[in-house]
Protein backbone atom coordinates (compact mmCIF):
# COMPACT_ATOMS: atom_id res chain seq x y z
CA MET A 1 -25.72 41.83 35.55
CA ALA A 2 -28.77 40.58 37.84
CA SER A 3 -31.24 43.29 39.12
CA SER A 4 -33.25 43.42 42.20
CA THR A 5 -35.51 45.55 40.04
CA ILE A 6 -38.86 43.40 39.85
CA SER A 7 -41.13 45.50 37.77
CA GLY A 8 -40.55 48.97 36.31
CA PRO A 9 -41.71 51.55 38.30
CA GLY A 10 -42.91 53.52 35.40
CA SER A 11 -44.22 50.93 32.98
CA GLY A 12 -45.40 48.24 35.70
CA TYR A 13 -43.61 45.53 33.46
CA ASP A 14 -41.00 43.05 34.76
CA THR A 15 -38.35 44.40 32.54
CA GLN A 16 -35.87 41.97 33.92
CA ALA A 17 -37.81 38.85 32.66
CA ILE A 18 -38.59 40.81 28.98
CA VAL A 19 -34.70 40.95 28.98
CA LYS A 20 -34.00 37.61 30.10
CA ALA A 21 -36.56 35.98 27.60
CA LEU A 22 -34.58 38.56 24.72
CA VAL A 23 -31.59 37.12 25.39
CA GLY A 24 -32.55 33.75 26.02
CA ALA A 25 -34.06 33.42 22.72
CA GLU A 26 -31.01 35.26 21.09
CA LYS A 27 -28.35 32.58 22.51
CA ALA A 28 -30.54 29.20 22.16
CA PRO A 29 -29.73 28.41 18.48
CA LYS A 30 -25.97 28.80 18.98
CA GLN A 31 -25.99 27.16 22.21
CA ILE A 32 -27.97 24.06 21.12
CA GLN A 33 -25.44 23.96 18.41
CA ILE A 34 -22.40 23.99 20.81
CA THR A 35 -23.86 21.50 23.09
CA ASP A 36 -24.60 18.95 20.60
CA GLN A 37 -21.16 19.10 19.00
CA GLN A 38 -19.45 18.87 22.43
CA LYS A 39 -21.80 15.54 23.28
CA ASP A 40 -20.95 14.01 19.73
CA THR A 41 -17.13 15.09 19.94
CA THR A 42 -16.90 13.54 23.40
CA ILE A 43 -18.39 10.71 22.73
CA LYS A 44 -16.41 10.05 19.51
CA LEU A 45 -13.35 10.89 21.22
CA SER A 46 -13.95 8.07 23.82
CA ALA A 47 -14.70 5.82 20.99
CA VAL A 48 -11.60 6.33 19.11
CA GLY A 49 -9.61 5.78 22.51
CA THR A 50 -11.48 2.37 23.05
CA VAL A 51 -10.57 1.27 19.47
CA LYS A 52 -7.14 2.26 20.04
CA THR A 53 -6.66 0.48 23.14
CA ALA A 54 -8.08 -2.77 21.58
CA LEU A 55 -6.07 -2.45 18.80
CA GLU A 56 -2.95 -2.26 20.74
CA THR A 57 -3.81 -4.71 22.93
CA TYR A 58 -4.52 -7.05 19.88
CA GLN A 59 -1.12 -6.40 18.28
CA SER A 60 0.53 -6.99 21.93
CA ALA A 61 -1.17 -10.35 22.42
CA ILE A 62 -0.77 -11.75 18.96
CA THR A 63 3.29 -10.20 18.94
CA LYS A 64 3.62 -12.62 21.53
CA LEU A 65 2.72 -15.63 19.83
CA ASN A 66 4.83 -14.99 16.66
CA ASN A 67 7.62 -17.32 17.39
CA VAL A 68 8.21 -21.09 16.64
CA ALA A 69 7.87 -22.16 20.31
CA SER A 70 4.34 -20.91 20.28
CA PHE A 71 2.89 -22.60 17.22
CA ASN A 72 5.28 -25.87 16.64
CA GLY A 73 3.26 -28.55 18.55
CA LEU A 74 6.15 -29.49 20.37
CA ALA A 75 6.81 -29.73 24.35
CA ALA A 76 10.24 -30.64 26.73
CA THR A 77 9.73 -32.82 29.40
CA THR A 78 12.48 -33.69 31.77
CA SER A 79 12.46 -36.70 33.83
CA GLU A 80 14.09 -35.06 36.81
CA GLU A 81 12.87 -31.68 37.28
CA LYS A 82 14.57 -30.79 40.41
CA ASN A 83 18.13 -31.34 38.45
CA VAL A 84 17.29 -30.05 34.96
CA LYS A 85 14.66 -27.17 33.60
CA VAL A 86 14.10 -27.31 29.86
CA THR A 87 12.65 -24.63 27.73
CA LEU A 88 11.88 -24.70 24.17
CA GLY A 89 12.88 -21.90 21.68
CA ASP A 90 13.06 -21.22 17.98
CA GLY A 91 14.60 -24.21 15.74
CA ALA A 92 13.59 -26.98 18.30
CA SER A 93 12.76 -30.45 16.76
CA SER A 94 11.70 -33.71 17.74
CA GLY A 95 13.96 -35.89 19.92
CA LYS A 96 15.10 -37.65 23.08
CA TYR A 97 18.45 -37.22 24.89
CA THR A 98 20.15 -38.82 27.56
CA LEU A 99 21.80 -36.09 30.08
CA VAL A 100 24.10 -36.75 32.88
CA VAL A 101 25.37 -33.71 35.13
CA ASP A 102 28.95 -34.08 36.64
CA GLU A 103 29.87 -30.82 37.72
CA LEU A 104 28.05 -27.40 38.16
CA ALA A 105 29.46 -24.18 36.79
CA THR A 106 30.71 -22.03 39.81
CA SER A 107 31.79 -18.56 40.00
CA SER A 108 34.89 -17.20 41.97
CA LYS A 109 34.57 -16.08 45.53
CA VAL A 110 37.47 -14.52 47.66
CA THR A 111 37.92 -13.76 51.09
CA SER A 112 39.84 -10.78 52.92
CA LYS A 113 41.90 -11.14 55.82
CA VAL A 114 39.74 -11.28 59.39
CA ILE A 115 39.01 -8.24 60.70
CA ALA A 116 38.77 -8.40 64.78
CA ASP A 117 36.17 -5.59 65.47
CA GLY A 118 33.24 -7.17 63.23
CA ALA A 119 31.62 -5.27 60.20
CA SER A 120 32.49 -2.03 62.05
CA GLY A 121 35.78 -2.67 62.05
CA LYS A 122 38.28 -0.56 59.96
CA ALA A 123 39.27 -2.08 56.76
CA ASN A 124 41.84 0.90 56.48
CA SER A 125 43.64 1.25 59.73
CA SER A 126 45.74 4.73 58.41
CA ASP A 127 44.48 8.09 57.65
CA GLU A 128 45.66 7.84 53.90
CA ASP A 129 43.28 6.77 51.04
CA GLN A 130 43.79 3.18 49.96
CA THR A 131 42.81 1.60 46.47
CA LEU A 132 41.28 -1.82 46.27
CA THR A 133 41.86 -3.31 42.68
CA ILE A 134 39.47 -6.06 41.94
CA THR A 135 40.17 -7.84 38.65
CA GLN A 136 38.16 -10.41 36.75
CA SER A 137 38.71 -11.90 33.11
CA GLY A 138 41.22 -9.39 32.37
CA LYS A 139 39.49 -6.22 33.59
CA SER A 140 40.29 -4.30 36.68
CA TYR A 141 38.01 -1.91 38.73
CA ASP A 142 39.43 0.36 41.60
CA VAL A 143 37.53 0.92 44.76
CA LEU A 144 38.71 3.77 46.88
CA VAL A 145 39.12 2.90 50.82
CA PRO A 146 39.03 6.00 52.38
CA GLY A 147 41.23 6.35 55.65
CA GLY A 148 39.34 4.67 58.83
CA ALA A 149 36.52 3.10 56.34
CA THR A 150 34.89 0.23 57.66
CA LEU A 151 34.35 -3.07 56.59
CA LYS A 152 30.66 -2.32 55.83
CA GLU A 153 31.24 0.86 54.16
CA VAL A 154 33.67 -0.72 51.82
CA ARG A 155 31.04 -3.33 51.03
CA GLU A 156 28.59 -0.42 50.30
CA SER A 157 31.05 0.98 48.02
CA ILE A 158 31.70 -2.17 45.90
CA ASN A 159 28.20 -2.84 45.73
CA THR A 160 27.46 0.70 44.40
CA GLN A 161 30.09 0.71 42.16
CA LEU A 162 30.35 -2.55 40.67
CA SER A 163 27.04 -4.46 40.60
CA ALA A 164 26.22 -3.85 36.74
CA GLN A 165 29.64 -5.75 36.33
CA GLY A 166 28.09 -8.57 38.41
CA ILE A 167 30.26 -8.27 41.24
CA SER A 168 29.13 -8.07 44.78
CA ALA A 169 30.43 -8.11 48.24
CA ASN A 170 29.09 -8.95 51.72
CA VAL A 171 30.70 -9.04 55.10
CA LEU A 172 30.64 -12.62 57.14
CA SER A 173 31.19 -12.25 61.06
CA ASP A 174 31.82 -15.02 63.74
CA ALA A 175 33.60 -15.44 67.07
CA ASN A 176 36.85 -14.11 65.59
CA GLY A 177 35.77 -11.39 63.86
CA ALA A 178 34.40 -10.30 60.37
CA ARG A 179 35.68 -10.54 56.45
CA LEU A 180 34.74 -8.94 53.54
CA VAL A 181 33.57 -11.54 50.78
CA ILE A 182 33.55 -10.77 47.07
CA GLY A 183 31.64 -12.80 44.81
CA SER A 184 30.46 -12.86 41.19
CA THR A 185 27.67 -13.88 38.80
CA THR A 186 30.14 -14.52 36.19
CA SER A 187 30.81 -18.30 36.11
CA GLY A 188 33.36 -20.53 34.26
CA VAL A 189 37.03 -21.29 33.71
CA GLY A 190 39.01 -18.02 33.37
CA THR A 191 36.81 -16.09 35.60
CA ASP A 192 38.84 -16.12 38.97
CA ILE A 193 38.56 -12.68 40.98
CA THR A 194 42.00 -11.22 42.15
CA LEU A 195 42.45 -8.48 44.64
CA SER A 196 45.70 -5.83 44.39
CA GLY A 197 46.32 -2.35 44.97
CA ASP A 198 47.58 -0.97 48.01
CA SER A 199 44.41 -1.74 50.69
CA GLU A 200 44.99 -3.45 53.47
CA LEU A 201 42.17 -5.95 52.14
CA ALA A 202 44.35 -6.93 49.41
CA ALA A 203 46.93 -8.51 51.64
CA GLY A 204 46.86 -12.18 52.42
CA TYR A 205 43.07 -12.74 50.96
CA ASP A 206 41.95 -16.29 50.50
CA ALA A 207 41.41 -17.00 46.86
CA GLY A 208 39.04 -19.74 47.79
CA GLN A 209 37.83 -22.40 45.20
CA PRO A 210 38.61 -21.42 41.73
CA ALA A 211 35.54 -20.82 39.22
CA GLN A 212 34.86 -23.98 36.82
CA ASN A 213 32.80 -24.82 34.25
CA ALA A 214 29.80 -27.12 34.22
CA LYS A 215 30.46 -30.59 32.87
CA TYR A 216 28.16 -32.54 31.57
CA SER A 217 27.41 -35.04 28.69
CA ILE A 218 24.43 -35.81 26.25
CA ASP A 219 23.75 -39.16 24.95
CA GLY A 220 27.79 -39.99 25.91
CA ILE A 221 29.27 -37.23 24.32
CA ALA A 222 31.19 -35.28 26.85
CA MET A 223 30.27 -31.22 27.00
CA GLU A 224 31.46 -28.32 28.79
CA SER A 225 29.68 -24.68 29.53
CA THR A 226 30.63 -21.49 31.10
CA SER A 227 27.46 -21.38 32.24
CA ASN A 228 24.65 -23.36 34.30
CA LYS A 229 22.16 -22.21 31.52
CA VAL A 230 23.16 -24.06 28.53
CA THR A 231 21.37 -22.60 25.01
CA SER A 232 23.40 -24.14 22.15
CA ALA A 233 23.84 -27.85 23.11
CA ILE A 234 20.57 -29.07 21.63
CA SER A 235 19.14 -26.59 18.91
CA GLY A 236 15.79 -24.72 20.30
CA VAL A 237 16.34 -26.31 23.78
CA THR A 238 17.57 -24.30 26.83
CA LEU A 239 18.99 -26.46 29.69
CA ASP A 240 19.06 -25.12 33.29
CA LEU A 241 21.24 -27.19 34.95
CA LEU A 242 20.43 -27.26 38.53
CA ALA A 243 21.80 -30.08 40.38
CA ALA A 244 24.75 -32.39 39.60
CA ASP A 245 24.23 -36.27 39.99
CA ASP A 246 26.71 -38.31 37.68
CA LYS A 247 24.95 -41.69 39.03
CA LYS A 248 21.20 -40.75 37.73
CA PRO A 249 21.16 -39.76 34.15
CA VAL A 250 18.31 -37.45 33.17
CA THR A 251 15.96 -38.28 30.30
CA ILE A 252 15.19 -34.90 27.99
CA THR A 253 12.10 -35.60 25.43
CA VAL A 254 10.93 -33.26 23.19
CA ALA A 255 7.75 -34.74 21.37
CA SER A 256 4.78 -33.19 19.26
CA ASN A 257 2.12 -31.61 21.82
CA THR A 258 -0.86 -30.83 19.69
CA ASP A 259 -2.40 -29.16 22.72
CA THR A 260 0.16 -26.51 22.90
CA LEU A 261 -0.46 -25.52 19.22
CA LYS A 262 -4.25 -25.45 19.42
CA THR A 263 -3.74 -23.14 22.62
CA SER A 264 -1.81 -20.55 20.29
CA VAL A 265 -4.31 -20.69 17.60
CA GLN A 266 -7.32 -20.48 20.11
CA SER A 267 -4.90 -17.38 21.61
CA PHE A 268 -5.20 -15.59 18.19
CA VAL A 269 -8.92 -15.98 17.50
CA THR A 270 -9.80 -14.86 21.09
CA ALA A 271 -7.54 -11.58 20.64
CA TYR A 272 -8.89 -10.94 17.37
CA ASN A 273 -12.57 -11.37 18.26
CA ALA A 274 -11.92 -8.76 21.42
CA LEU A 275 -10.83 -6.23 18.91
CA MET A 276 -13.42 -7.03 16.33
CA THR A 277 -16.15 -6.91 19.52
CA ALA A 278 -14.66 -3.28 20.55
CA ILE A 279 -14.90 -2.41 17.09
CA ASN A 280 -18.44 -3.60 16.39
CA ALA A 281 -19.55 -1.66 19.53
CA GLN A 282 -18.40 1.62 18.20
CA THR A 283 -19.89 1.28 14.78
CA LYS A 284 -23.13 -0.87 15.04
CA VAL A 285 -26.70 0.42 14.19
CA THR A 286 -29.65 -0.74 16.53
CA ALA A 287 -32.53 -1.07 14.29
CA THR A 288 -35.88 -0.78 16.40
CA GLY A 289 -38.04 -0.86 13.19
CA ASP A 290 -38.88 2.87 13.88
CA ALA A 291 -36.30 5.24 12.46
CA SER A 292 -36.98 7.99 15.38
CA THR A 293 -35.57 5.46 17.96
CA THR A 294 -33.15 3.25 15.74
CA THR A 295 -29.76 4.12 17.16
CA ALA A 296 -26.00 4.36 15.54
CA GLY A 297 -22.68 4.18 17.16
CA ALA A 298 -20.29 6.75 17.69
CA LEU A 299 -17.94 5.66 14.74
CA THR A 300 -20.91 4.32 12.49
CA GLY A 301 -19.93 4.92 8.75
CA ASP A 302 -16.58 6.10 9.81
CA ALA A 303 -14.30 5.72 7.13
CA SER A 304 -11.12 4.64 8.92
CA MET A 305 -13.16 2.21 10.94
CA ARG A 306 -14.06 0.48 7.43
CA GLN A 307 -10.45 0.48 6.33
CA LEU A 308 -9.24 -1.14 9.31
CA VAL A 309 -11.96 -3.88 9.27
CA THR A 310 -11.35 -4.44 5.61
CA SER A 311 -7.73 -4.69 6.25
CA LEU A 312 -8.01 -7.07 9.09
CA ARG A 313 -10.32 -9.43 7.23
CA SER A 314 -8.30 -9.27 3.67
CA GLU A 315 -5.28 -10.59 5.90
CA LEU A 316 -7.51 -13.61 6.93
CA VAL A 317 -8.30 -14.64 3.82
CA ASN A 318 -4.75 -13.82 2.27
CA GLY A 319 -3.75 -17.59 2.05
CA SER A 320 0.62 -17.57 2.40
CA GLY A 321 0.56 -21.14 3.78
CA ALA A 322 2.59 -24.23 2.59
CA GLY A 323 2.09 -27.74 2.27
CA SER A 324 -1.10 -29.21 3.23
CA MET A 325 -2.38 -25.70 4.83
CA THR A 326 -3.37 -22.77 3.02
CA SER A 327 -5.93 -21.16 4.52
CA LEU A 328 -7.55 -20.67 7.94
CA ALA A 329 -10.69 -22.63 6.89
CA GLN A 330 -8.87 -25.86 6.31
CA MET A 331 -7.80 -25.63 10.23
CA GLY A 332 -11.54 -25.28 11.25
CA ILE A 333 -11.42 -21.41 11.80
CA THR A 334 -14.65 -19.75 10.17
CA THR A 335 -16.06 -16.42 10.14
CA ASP A 336 -19.24 -15.29 11.13
CA GLN A 337 -20.33 -12.98 7.95
CA LYS A 338 -22.80 -10.57 10.45
CA THR A 339 -20.24 -10.07 13.15
CA GLY A 340 -16.92 -10.96 11.45
CA LEU A 341 -15.86 -12.98 14.65
CA LEU A 342 -13.81 -16.11 14.05
CA SER A 343 -14.71 -19.63 15.43
CA LEU A 344 -12.73 -22.59 15.75
CA ASP A 345 -14.30 -26.04 15.15
CA ASP A 346 -12.62 -28.64 17.18
CA LYS A 347 -13.70 -31.58 14.66
CA ALA A 348 -12.02 -29.96 11.83
CA TRP A 349 -8.92 -29.09 14.15
CA ASP A 350 -8.82 -32.33 14.62
CA LYS A 351 -8.37 -33.65 11.31
CA ALA A 352 -6.16 -30.83 10.13
CA VAL A 353 -3.88 -31.09 12.82
CA VAL A 354 -3.13 -34.67 12.06
CA LYS A 355 -2.51 -33.69 8.47
CA GLY A 356 0.11 -30.73 9.17
CA ALA A 357 0.62 -29.79 12.31
CA GLY A 358 3.86 -28.08 11.06
CA ASP A 359 1.88 -26.36 8.19
CA ILE A 360 -0.31 -24.77 10.24
CA ALA A 361 2.57 -23.28 12.48
CA LYS A 362 4.14 -21.74 9.17
CA MET A 363 0.64 -20.10 8.44
CA PHE A 364 1.02 -17.97 11.66
CA THR A 365 4.49 -17.14 12.25
CA GLY A 366 7.58 -15.87 10.48
CA ASP A 367 7.91 -12.95 8.52
CA THR A 368 5.06 -13.28 6.13
CA GLY A 369 3.10 -15.08 8.41
CA LEU A 370 -0.66 -14.31 9.45
CA ILE A 371 0.80 -12.51 12.77
CA SER A 372 3.48 -10.33 11.09
CA ARG A 373 1.07 -9.40 8.18
CA MET A 374 -1.81 -8.58 10.74
CA ASN A 375 0.93 -6.31 12.49
CA LYS A 376 1.62 -4.51 9.41
CA ALA A 377 -1.77 -4.33 8.13
CA THR A 378 -2.81 -2.34 11.60
CA SER A 379 0.76 -0.72 12.29
CA SER A 380 -0.43 2.92 10.36
CA TYR A 381 -3.32 2.81 13.06
CA VAL A 382 -1.29 2.97 16.13
CA GLY A 383 1.08 4.69 17.91
CA SER A 384 1.37 8.47 18.65
CA THR A 385 1.56 9.28 15.20
CA GLY A 386 -0.83 6.84 13.84
CA THR A 387 -4.47 7.85 12.46
CA LEU A 388 -6.27 6.90 15.68
CA ALA A 389 -4.15 8.85 17.71
CA THR A 390 -4.14 11.80 14.69
CA ARG A 391 -7.91 11.30 15.02
CA ALA A 392 -7.83 11.82 18.83
CA THR A 393 -6.08 15.10 18.57
CA ASP A 394 -8.27 16.46 16.01
CA LEU A 395 -11.48 15.85 18.15
CA ASN A 396 -9.35 17.13 21.51
CA THR A 397 -8.95 20.35 18.97
CA LYS A 398 -12.34 20.55 18.14
CA LEU A 399 -13.05 20.42 21.72
CA THR A 400 -10.97 23.33 22.78
CA ASP A 401 -12.35 25.09 19.89
CA LEU A 402 -16.08 24.63 21.18
CA THR A 403 -15.02 26.05 24.59
CA THR A 404 -13.59 28.77 22.97
CA GLN A 405 -16.72 29.45 21.19
CA GLN A 406 -18.98 28.99 24.45
CA ALA A 407 -16.98 31.60 26.23
CA GLU A 408 -17.11 33.91 23.40
CA LEU A 409 -21.07 33.34 23.30
CA ASP A 410 -21.26 34.01 26.99
CA ARG A 411 -19.55 37.23 26.53
CA ARG A 412 -21.25 38.20 23.58
CA MET A 413 -24.67 37.20 25.67
CA GLU A 414 -23.51 39.34 28.85
CA ALA A 415 -22.92 42.32 26.81
CA LEU A 416 -26.46 42.09 25.28
CA GLN A 417 -28.12 41.78 28.67
CA LYS A 418 -26.24 44.88 29.91
CA SER A 419 -27.13 46.98 26.89
CA LEU A 420 -30.89 45.50 26.86
CA SER A 421 -31.19 46.06 30.46
CA ALA A 422 -29.89 49.48 30.08
CA LYS A 423 -32.42 50.48 27.42
CA TYR A 424 -35.05 49.08 29.11
CA THR A 425 -34.45 50.86 32.24
CA ALA A 426 -33.81 53.89 30.03
CA MET A 427 -37.03 53.44 29.04
CA ASP A 428 -39.17 52.77 32.21
CA THR A 429 -37.35 56.07 33.70
CA MET A 430 -38.84 58.06 30.77
CA ILE A 431 -42.25 56.54 31.14
CA ALA A 432 -42.08 57.26 34.66
CA GLN A 433 -41.34 60.96 33.79
CA ILE A 434 -44.31 60.97 31.61
CA ASN A 435 -46.52 59.68 33.64
CA ALA A 436 -45.20 61.98 36.65
CA SER A 437 -45.58 64.98 34.25
CA SER A 438 -49.08 63.81 33.46
CA SER A 439 -50.02 63.26 37.08
CA SER A 440 -48.91 67.16 37.57
CA ILE A 441 -50.99 68.51 34.72
CA MET A 442 -53.96 66.88 35.75
CA THR A 443 -53.96 67.76 39.16
CA THR A 444 -53.71 71.46 38.11
CA LEU A 445 -56.34 71.46 35.57
CA ASN A 446 -58.73 69.38 38.13
CA SER A 447 -57.91 72.47 40.51
CA LEU A 448 -58.64 74.98 37.69
CA ASN A 449 -61.96 73.38 37.28
CA ASN A 450 -62.90 72.88 40.86
CA PRO A 451 -62.94 76.57 42.37
CA LYS A 452 -64.37 75.26 45.55
CA SER A 453 -61.37 73.12 46.28
CA SER A 454 -59.47 76.48 46.76
């Protein structure tokens, strides 16, 4: 496209500069339009992505709080952490219990005969394949032991095939040789492992100690569990039995803890404020007193943002509490009318929690609680087919279209530049020819008018 010609030899004008100016004047209006739209669309796409991420983070944060354990204002303690660990769940209530752990639940473990050559010794001394059948709780699993297979190879085969069933194998070695040890993560009476089949490993194996249940008592009532994680003995309380000591009773206390309740409420407030701050940053108008310098956010005036904020605020004031608590204001949560951010007043909270800690929990949790309603109100905005994702798709489509428009504009301007260059070159050539003819005619005339020159 570019020419080395600086000026036309015939006209004496810089024809390339003229062509460039004409093409630039033709291109400028459309180029400004495309550039402005690309900038605006890119900014909006970034803003939509920011709000979408903030909303998803908000939903994730409050969903984690949507359980009674987070808002029930209860805490569980144990007098012997090294013996028993306590975790609260749904359905827990205040109470004090005396726990005595007599025996822990154990799992089955069997040992093969000793192989003199150690872990690399042959578990199958023949050339024929053998089968080792491992049975637990009425289910049998066949493990192929190829001819000449070593203990190590059988161990790896068992671990590969049966890890999902909780069965694992290892090799223990000493001065006498090595043996295959097969164990299980399943504990309790009736879960003993047995070996059978035509494998040499099944012959003369040691069954070891049988699996047993955990034995304990709560307030003098004898109980058993197939696992050391006891989930049903006390409603809403999970006991992890860590050590047996029938000489040392453990005191389990489930009592009111308003600090837990306040932490959860403050977590909700913090999550909500983070979302509103993100939305405000993309929708605010910064007034300077001068219309020419007043700036607006990328999503200022956006209908979907207005609807989202309206939905959020509507759920905040939609009282669905019970008992003494029917609104957030009663527990000290207020809304800044300018920013929409929430704040928790400590003094108002302290008074409210004395009146109805349980009612506060009901306001937030459950199918009709504030958290569930918030998730429902915002569900249409998130996800791959949500409002914000659809909006982002539309903006990306617009950017693609603008890229196409830019390419088309560049092609048209290139064609225009070639066309104008050709026309101006032709014009300049014509002028050069005219100038040459004029010069020749003038030379002839001058010679006719000046006979002395001949």
